[in-house]
Amino acid sequence: MALFAPYCGGRSREQDLLRVLAYWSGGEVRGVRSLMEASPHRFDLRWQPVRAPLESTACILNIEAEPPLAYRFSVPAHQLMVWLMESGDRSDRLELPDRFWQWLLLEAGAEDL
């Protein structure tokens, strides 16, 4: 935790950081993306766990849609950690923050499955 804390809000976000660190090494979460005027999309986010916050972590996001979408991207580990911290504490219905989805649309491209 000591390595990530300075990049992830310090002591004020300690509980959120501990929550994410509990599943970080598993390298996977499942969640739902709520949409305003459409049914929600389920997703599966996988990443390569790393030990240092500035290391790049490779990620794959699979979205259950018609047609299915897959995004491959790499980000500094601390950035992914912050997005996961901002997604709330409901592990049964994880919802990544809007700024993650905005970044994804602007920075990463979808792959054909």
N, C-alpha and C. Protein backbone atom coordinates (compact mmCIF):
# COMPACT_ATOMS: atom_id res chain seq x y z
N MET A 1 0.81 -1.19 0.00
CA MET A 1 0.00 0.00 0.00
C MET A 1 0.86 1.26 0.00
N ALA A 2 1.98 1.20 0.67
CA ALA A 2 2.82 2.39 0.80
C ALA A 2 3.27 2.93 -0.55
N LEU A 3 3.50 2.06 -1.53
CA LEU A 3 3.93 2.52 -2.85
C LEU A 3 2.81 3.24 -3.60
N PHE A 4 1.59 2.75 -3.50
CA PHE A 4 0.48 3.31 -4.27
C PHE A 4 -0.15 4.54 -3.62
N ALA A 5 -0.12 4.62 -2.31
CA ALA A 5 -0.84 5.68 -1.59
C ALA A 5 -0.55 7.09 -2.09
N PRO A 6 0.71 7.48 -2.33
CA PRO A 6 0.95 8.86 -2.78
C PRO A 6 0.31 9.18 -4.14
N TYR A 7 0.10 8.18 -4.96
CA TYR A 7 -0.49 8.38 -6.29
C TYR A 7 -2.01 8.24 -6.28
N CYS A 8 -2.55 7.75 -5.17
CA CYS A 8 -3.97 7.39 -5.12
C CYS A 8 -4.73 8.11 -4.02
N GLY A 9 -4.34 9.31 -3.69
CA GLY A 9 -5.10 10.10 -2.72
C GLY A 9 -4.59 10.07 -1.30
N GLY A 10 -3.52 9.35 -1.04
CA GLY A 10 -2.93 9.32 0.30
C GLY A 10 -3.86 8.77 1.37
N ARG A 11 -3.69 9.25 2.58
CA ARG A 11 -4.46 8.73 3.71
C ARG A 11 -5.95 9.01 3.59
N SER A 12 -6.33 10.05 2.89
CA SER A 12 -7.76 10.36 2.77
C SER A 12 -8.51 9.31 1.96
N ARG A 13 -7.82 8.53 1.16
CA ARG A 13 -8.45 7.48 0.34
C ARG A 13 -8.00 6.09 0.77
N GLU A 14 -7.47 5.98 1.97
CA GLU A 14 -6.89 4.72 2.43
C GLU A 14 -7.86 3.54 2.35
N GLN A 15 -9.10 3.72 2.77
CA GLN A 15 -10.06 2.61 2.75
C GLN A 15 -10.36 2.15 1.34
N ASP A 16 -10.50 3.10 0.41
CA ASP A 16 -10.73 2.74 -0.99
C ASP A 16 -9.54 1.98 -1.56
N LEU A 17 -8.34 2.45 -1.24
CA LEU A 17 -7.12 1.79 -1.71
C LEU A 17 -7.02 0.37 -1.17
N LEU A 18 -7.29 0.20 0.11
CA LEU A 18 -7.25 -1.15 0.70
C LEU A 18 -8.27 -2.08 0.05
N ARG A 19 -9.45 -1.55 -0.25
CA ARG A 19 -10.49 -2.36 -0.90
C ARG A 19 -10.01 -2.86 -2.26
N VAL A 20 -9.41 -1.98 -3.05
CA VAL A 20 -8.94 -2.37 -4.38
C VAL A 20 -7.72 -3.29 -4.28
N LEU A 21 -6.82 -3.00 -3.37
CA LEU A 21 -5.65 -3.87 -3.21
C LEU A 21 -6.04 -5.30 -2.85
N ALA A 22 -7.19 -5.47 -2.21
CA ALA A 22 -7.65 -6.81 -1.83
C ALA A 22 -7.90 -7.69 -3.06
N TYR A 23 -8.27 -7.10 -4.19
CA TYR A 23 -8.50 -7.91 -5.39
C TYR A 23 -7.53 -7.59 -6.53
N TRP A 24 -6.62 -6.66 -6.34
CA TRP A 24 -5.68 -6.24 -7.38
C TRP A 24 -4.90 -7.41 -7.97
N SER A 25 -4.37 -8.28 -7.13
CA SER A 25 -3.53 -9.38 -7.63
C SER A 25 -4.32 -10.39 -8.45
N GLY A 26 -5.64 -10.42 -8.30
CA GLY A 26 -6.48 -11.31 -9.10
C GLY A 26 -6.58 -10.86 -10.55
N GLY A 27 -6.36 -9.59 -10.80
CA GLY A 27 -6.31 -9.07 -12.15
C GLY A 27 -7.61 -9.08 -12.93
N GLU A 28 -8.74 -9.04 -12.24
CA GLU A 28 -10.01 -9.08 -12.97
C GLU A 28 -11.16 -8.56 -12.13
N VAL A 29 -12.05 -7.83 -12.76
CA VAL A 29 -13.33 -7.44 -12.16
C VAL A 29 -14.41 -7.54 -13.23
N ARG A 30 -15.61 -7.73 -12.77
CA ARG A 30 -16.78 -7.71 -13.65
C ARG A 30 -17.66 -6.57 -13.19
N GLY A 31 -18.33 -5.96 -14.14
CA GLY A 31 -19.17 -4.84 -13.77
C GLY A 31 -20.24 -4.56 -14.79
N VAL A 32 -20.88 -3.42 -14.61
CA VAL A 32 -21.99 -3.01 -15.46
C VAL A 32 -21.80 -1.54 -15.80
N ARG A 33 -22.04 -1.20 -17.07
CA ARG A 33 -22.03 0.20 -17.50
C ARG A 33 -23.47 0.61 -17.72
N SER A 34 -23.97 1.48 -16.86
CA SER A 34 -25.34 1.97 -16.99
C SER A 34 -25.40 3.02 -18.09
N LEU A 35 -26.45 2.96 -18.87
CA LEU A 35 -26.66 3.92 -19.95
C LEU A 35 -27.99 4.62 -19.72
N MET A 36 -28.08 5.87 -20.10
CA MET A 36 -29.27 6.66 -19.79
C MET A 36 -30.54 6.12 -20.43
N GLU A 37 -30.52 5.85 -21.71
CA GLU A 37 -31.74 5.45 -22.39
C GLU A 37 -31.60 4.09 -23.06
N ALA A 38 -30.82 3.23 -22.45
CA ALA A 38 -30.63 1.88 -23.00
C ALA A 38 -30.36 0.93 -21.85
N SER A 39 -30.45 -0.33 -22.14
CA SER A 39 -30.17 -1.31 -21.09
C SER A 39 -28.66 -1.30 -20.80
N PRO A 40 -28.29 -1.62 -19.57
CA PRO A 40 -26.88 -1.59 -19.20
C PRO A 40 -26.09 -2.68 -19.92
N HIS A 41 -24.79 -2.43 -20.07
CA HIS A 41 -23.89 -3.41 -20.68
C HIS A 41 -23.00 -4.00 -19.59
N ARG A 42 -22.90 -5.30 -19.57
CA ARG A 42 -21.97 -5.97 -18.66
C ARG A 42 -20.57 -5.92 -19.28
N PHE A 43 -19.58 -5.86 -18.41
CA PHE A 43 -18.20 -5.87 -18.90
C PHE A 43 -17.31 -6.71 -17.99
N ASP A 44 -16.19 -7.08 -18.55
CA ASP A 44 -15.16 -7.83 -17.85
C ASP A 44 -13.85 -7.09 -18.09
N LEU A 45 -13.22 -6.61 -17.03
CA LEU A 45 -11.95 -5.89 -17.15
C LEU A 45 -10.86 -6.76 -16.53
N ARG A 46 -9.83 -7.04 -17.33
CA ARG A 46 -8.68 -7.83 -16.86
C ARG A 46 -7.42 -7.00 -17.03
N TRP A 47 -6.49 -7.21 -16.12
CA TRP A 47 -5.22 -6.49 -16.20
C TRP A 47 -4.10 -7.38 -15.69
N GLN A 48 -2.89 -7.01 -16.07
CA GLN A 48 -1.69 -7.69 -15.59
C GLN A 48 -1.25 -6.99 -14.32
N PRO A 49 -1.41 -7.64 -13.16
CA PRO A 49 -1.03 -6.98 -11.91
C PRO A 49 0.46 -6.64 -11.88
N VAL A 50 0.78 -5.46 -11.45
CA VAL A 50 2.17 -5.04 -11.29
C VAL A 50 2.33 -4.54 -9.86
N ARG A 51 3.58 -4.40 -9.45
CA ARG A 51 3.84 -4.04 -8.05
C ARG A 51 4.12 -2.56 -7.82
N ALA A 52 4.48 -1.85 -8.87
CA ALA A 52 4.85 -0.44 -8.71
C ALA A 52 3.83 0.46 -9.40
N PRO A 53 3.49 1.58 -8.79
CA PRO A 53 2.44 2.45 -9.32
C PRO A 53 2.75 3.08 -10.68
N LEU A 54 4.02 3.27 -11.01
CA LEU A 54 4.36 3.88 -12.28
C LEU A 54 4.58 2.87 -13.40
N GLU A 55 4.56 1.59 -13.05
CA GLU A 55 4.67 0.56 -14.08
C GLU A 55 3.42 0.55 -14.93
N SER A 56 3.60 0.25 -16.19
CA SER A 56 2.47 0.15 -17.10
C SER A 56 1.81 -1.22 -16.93
N THR A 57 0.49 -1.23 -16.87
CA THR A 57 -0.23 -2.49 -16.77
C THR A 57 -1.09 -2.67 -18.02
N ALA A 58 -0.96 -3.85 -18.63
CA ALA A 58 -1.73 -4.17 -19.84
C ALA A 58 -3.14 -4.59 -19.42
N CYS A 59 -4.14 -4.04 -20.11
CA CYS A 59 -5.54 -4.29 -19.77
C CYS A 59 -6.33 -4.75 -20.98
N ILE A 60 -7.35 -5.54 -20.72
CA ILE A 60 -8.31 -5.95 -21.74
C ILE A 60 -9.70 -5.72 -21.16
N LEU A 61 -10.51 -4.99 -21.88
CA LEU A 61 -11.89 -4.74 -21.47
C LEU A 61 -12.81 -5.38 -22.50
N ASN A 62 -13.60 -6.34 -22.08
CA ASN A 62 -14.59 -6.98 -22.95
C ASN A 62 -15.96 -6.49 -22.54
N ILE A 63 -16.71 -5.99 -23.51
CA ILE A 63 -18.05 -5.46 -23.25
C ILE A 63 -19.06 -6.35 -23.95
N GLU A 64 -20.04 -6.82 -23.16
CA GLU A 64 -21.11 -7.64 -23.72
C GLU A 64 -22.11 -6.71 -24.39
N ALA A 65 -22.00 -6.61 -25.67
CA ALA A 65 -22.89 -5.77 -26.48
C ALA A 65 -23.14 -6.51 -27.78
N GLU A 66 -23.93 -5.93 -28.62
CA GLU A 66 -24.17 -6.54 -29.92
C GLU A 66 -23.70 -5.57 -31.00
N PRO A 67 -22.61 -5.79 -31.64
CA PRO A 67 -21.68 -6.90 -31.47
C PRO A 67 -20.79 -6.68 -30.25
N PRO A 68 -20.18 -7.76 -29.74
CA PRO A 68 -19.28 -7.63 -28.58
C PRO A 68 -18.09 -6.72 -28.92
N LEU A 69 -17.59 -6.02 -27.92
CA LEU A 69 -16.45 -5.12 -28.11
C LEU A 69 -15.31 -5.53 -27.20
N ALA A 70 -14.09 -5.34 -27.68
CA ALA A 70 -12.90 -5.58 -26.87
C ALA A 70 -11.96 -4.40 -27.03
N TYR A 71 -11.42 -3.94 -25.93
CA TYR A 71 -10.45 -2.85 -25.93
C TYR A 71 -9.18 -3.36 -25.25
N ARG A 72 -8.05 -3.14 -25.87
CA ARG A 72 -6.75 -3.45 -25.27
C ARG A 72 -6.03 -2.12 -25.07
N PHE A 73 -5.49 -1.94 -23.88
CA PHE A 73 -4.79 -0.69 -23.60
C PHE A 73 -3.83 -0.91 -22.45
N SER A 74 -2.91 0.02 -22.30
CA SER A 74 -1.98 0.02 -21.18
C SER A 74 -2.04 1.38 -20.51
N VAL A 75 -2.01 1.37 -19.21
CA VAL A 75 -2.00 2.61 -18.42
C VAL A 75 -1.07 2.41 -17.23
N PRO A 76 -0.58 3.51 -16.65
CA PRO A 76 0.17 3.36 -15.40
C PRO A 76 -0.73 2.69 -14.35
N ALA A 77 -0.15 1.82 -13.57
CA ALA A 77 -0.93 1.06 -12.59
C ALA A 77 -1.70 1.97 -11.65
N HIS A 78 -1.11 3.09 -11.25
CA HIS A 78 -1.82 3.97 -10.31
C HIS A 78 -3.09 4.55 -10.94
N GLN A 79 -3.10 4.76 -12.27
CA GLN A 79 -4.30 5.30 -12.91
C GLN A 79 -5.43 4.28 -12.88
N LEU A 80 -5.11 3.03 -13.20
CA LEU A 80 -6.13 1.98 -13.12
C LEU A 80 -6.62 1.84 -11.69
N MET A 81 -5.70 1.89 -10.75
CA MET A 81 -6.06 1.79 -9.33
C MET A 81 -7.05 2.89 -8.94
N VAL A 82 -6.81 4.12 -9.37
CA VAL A 82 -7.71 5.24 -9.05
C VAL A 82 -9.09 5.00 -9.66
N TRP A 83 -9.14 4.57 -10.92
CA TRP A 83 -10.44 4.29 -11.54
C TRP A 83 -11.20 3.22 -10.76
N LEU A 84 -10.50 2.20 -10.33
CA LEU A 84 -11.14 1.14 -9.55
C LEU A 84 -11.60 1.66 -8.19
N MET A 85 -10.80 2.54 -7.59
CA MET A 85 -11.18 3.14 -6.31
C MET A 85 -12.44 3.99 -6.46
N GLU A 86 -12.60 4.64 -7.60
CA GLU A 86 -13.75 5.51 -7.83
C GLU A 86 -15.00 4.74 -8.24
N SER A 87 -14.89 3.45 -8.41
CA SER A 87 -16.02 2.66 -8.90
C SER A 87 -16.94 2.17 -7.78
N GLY A 88 -16.69 2.60 -6.58
CA GLY A 88 -17.58 2.23 -5.48
C GLY A 88 -17.19 0.90 -4.85
N ASP A 89 -17.94 0.52 -3.84
CA ASP A 89 -17.57 -0.68 -3.09
C ASP A 89 -18.52 -1.85 -3.32
N ARG A 90 -19.36 -1.77 -4.33
CA ARG A 90 -20.27 -2.88 -4.63
C ARG A 90 -19.58 -3.82 -5.59
N SER A 91 -18.99 -4.88 -5.07
CA SER A 91 -18.26 -5.81 -5.92
C SER A 91 -19.18 -6.60 -6.84
N ASP A 92 -20.48 -6.68 -6.50
CA ASP A 92 -21.42 -7.42 -7.34
C ASP A 92 -21.90 -6.59 -8.53
N ARG A 93 -21.67 -5.28 -8.50
CA ARG A 93 -22.13 -4.41 -9.59
C ARG A 93 -21.17 -3.23 -9.74
N LEU A 94 -19.92 -3.54 -9.95
CA LEU A 94 -18.90 -2.52 -10.12
C LEU A 94 -19.24 -1.63 -11.32
N GLU A 95 -19.13 -0.34 -11.13
CA GLU A 95 -19.39 0.60 -12.22
C GLU A 95 -18.24 1.60 -12.28
N LEU A 96 -17.43 1.49 -13.32
CA LEU A 96 -16.30 2.38 -13.47
C LEU A 96 -16.77 3.81 -13.67
N PRO A 97 -15.97 4.80 -13.25
CA PRO A 97 -16.40 6.20 -13.33
C PRO A 97 -16.49 6.69 -14.78
N ASP A 98 -17.27 7.74 -14.97
CA ASP A 98 -17.45 8.32 -16.30
C ASP A 98 -16.12 8.72 -16.93
N ARG A 99 -15.20 9.22 -16.12
CA ARG A 99 -13.94 9.66 -16.71
C ARG A 99 -13.13 8.52 -17.28
N PHE A 100 -13.31 7.28 -16.75
CA PHE A 100 -12.68 6.12 -17.39
C PHE A 100 -13.26 5.93 -18.78
N TRP A 101 -14.58 5.94 -18.91
CA TRP A 101 -15.24 5.71 -20.20
C TRP A 101 -14.89 6.80 -21.19
N GLN A 102 -14.80 8.04 -20.73
CA GLN A 102 -14.40 9.13 -21.62
C GLN A 102 -12.97 8.92 -22.12
N TRP A 103 -12.07 8.54 -21.21
CA TRP A 103 -10.69 8.26 -21.60
C TRP A 103 -10.66 7.12 -22.62
N LEU A 104 -11.42 6.07 -22.36
CA LEU A 104 -11.43 4.91 -23.24
C LEU A 104 -11.86 5.29 -24.65
N LEU A 105 -12.91 6.08 -24.77
CA LEU A 105 -13.40 6.48 -26.09
C LEU A 105 -12.42 7.38 -26.83
N LEU A 106 -11.69 8.20 -26.09
CA LEU A 106 -10.75 9.13 -26.72
C LEU A 106 -9.38 8.52 -26.99
N GLU A 107 -8.95 7.60 -26.14
CA GLU A 107 -7.57 7.12 -26.20
C GLU A 107 -7.39 5.70 -26.73
N ALA A 108 -8.37 4.85 -26.55
CA ALA A 108 -8.21 3.45 -26.94
C ALA A 108 -9.18 3.12 -28.06
N GLY A 109 -8.81 2.21 -28.91
CA GLY A 109 -9.68 1.80 -30.01
C GLY A 109 -10.23 0.41 -29.78
N ALA A 110 -11.45 0.19 -30.20
CA ALA A 110 -12.08 -1.13 -30.07
C ALA A 110 -11.50 -2.07 -31.12
N GLU A 111 -11.43 -3.34 -30.76
CA GLU A 111 -10.97 -4.37 -31.68
C GLU A 111 -12.16 -5.22 -32.11
N ASP A 112 -12.09 -5.73 -33.31
CA ASP A 112 -13.11 -6.67 -33.75
C ASP A 112 -12.87 -8.00 -33.06
N LEU A 113 -13.95 -8.62 -32.60
CA LEU A 113 -13.82 -9.93 -31.96
C LEU A 113 -14.00 -11.03 -32.97
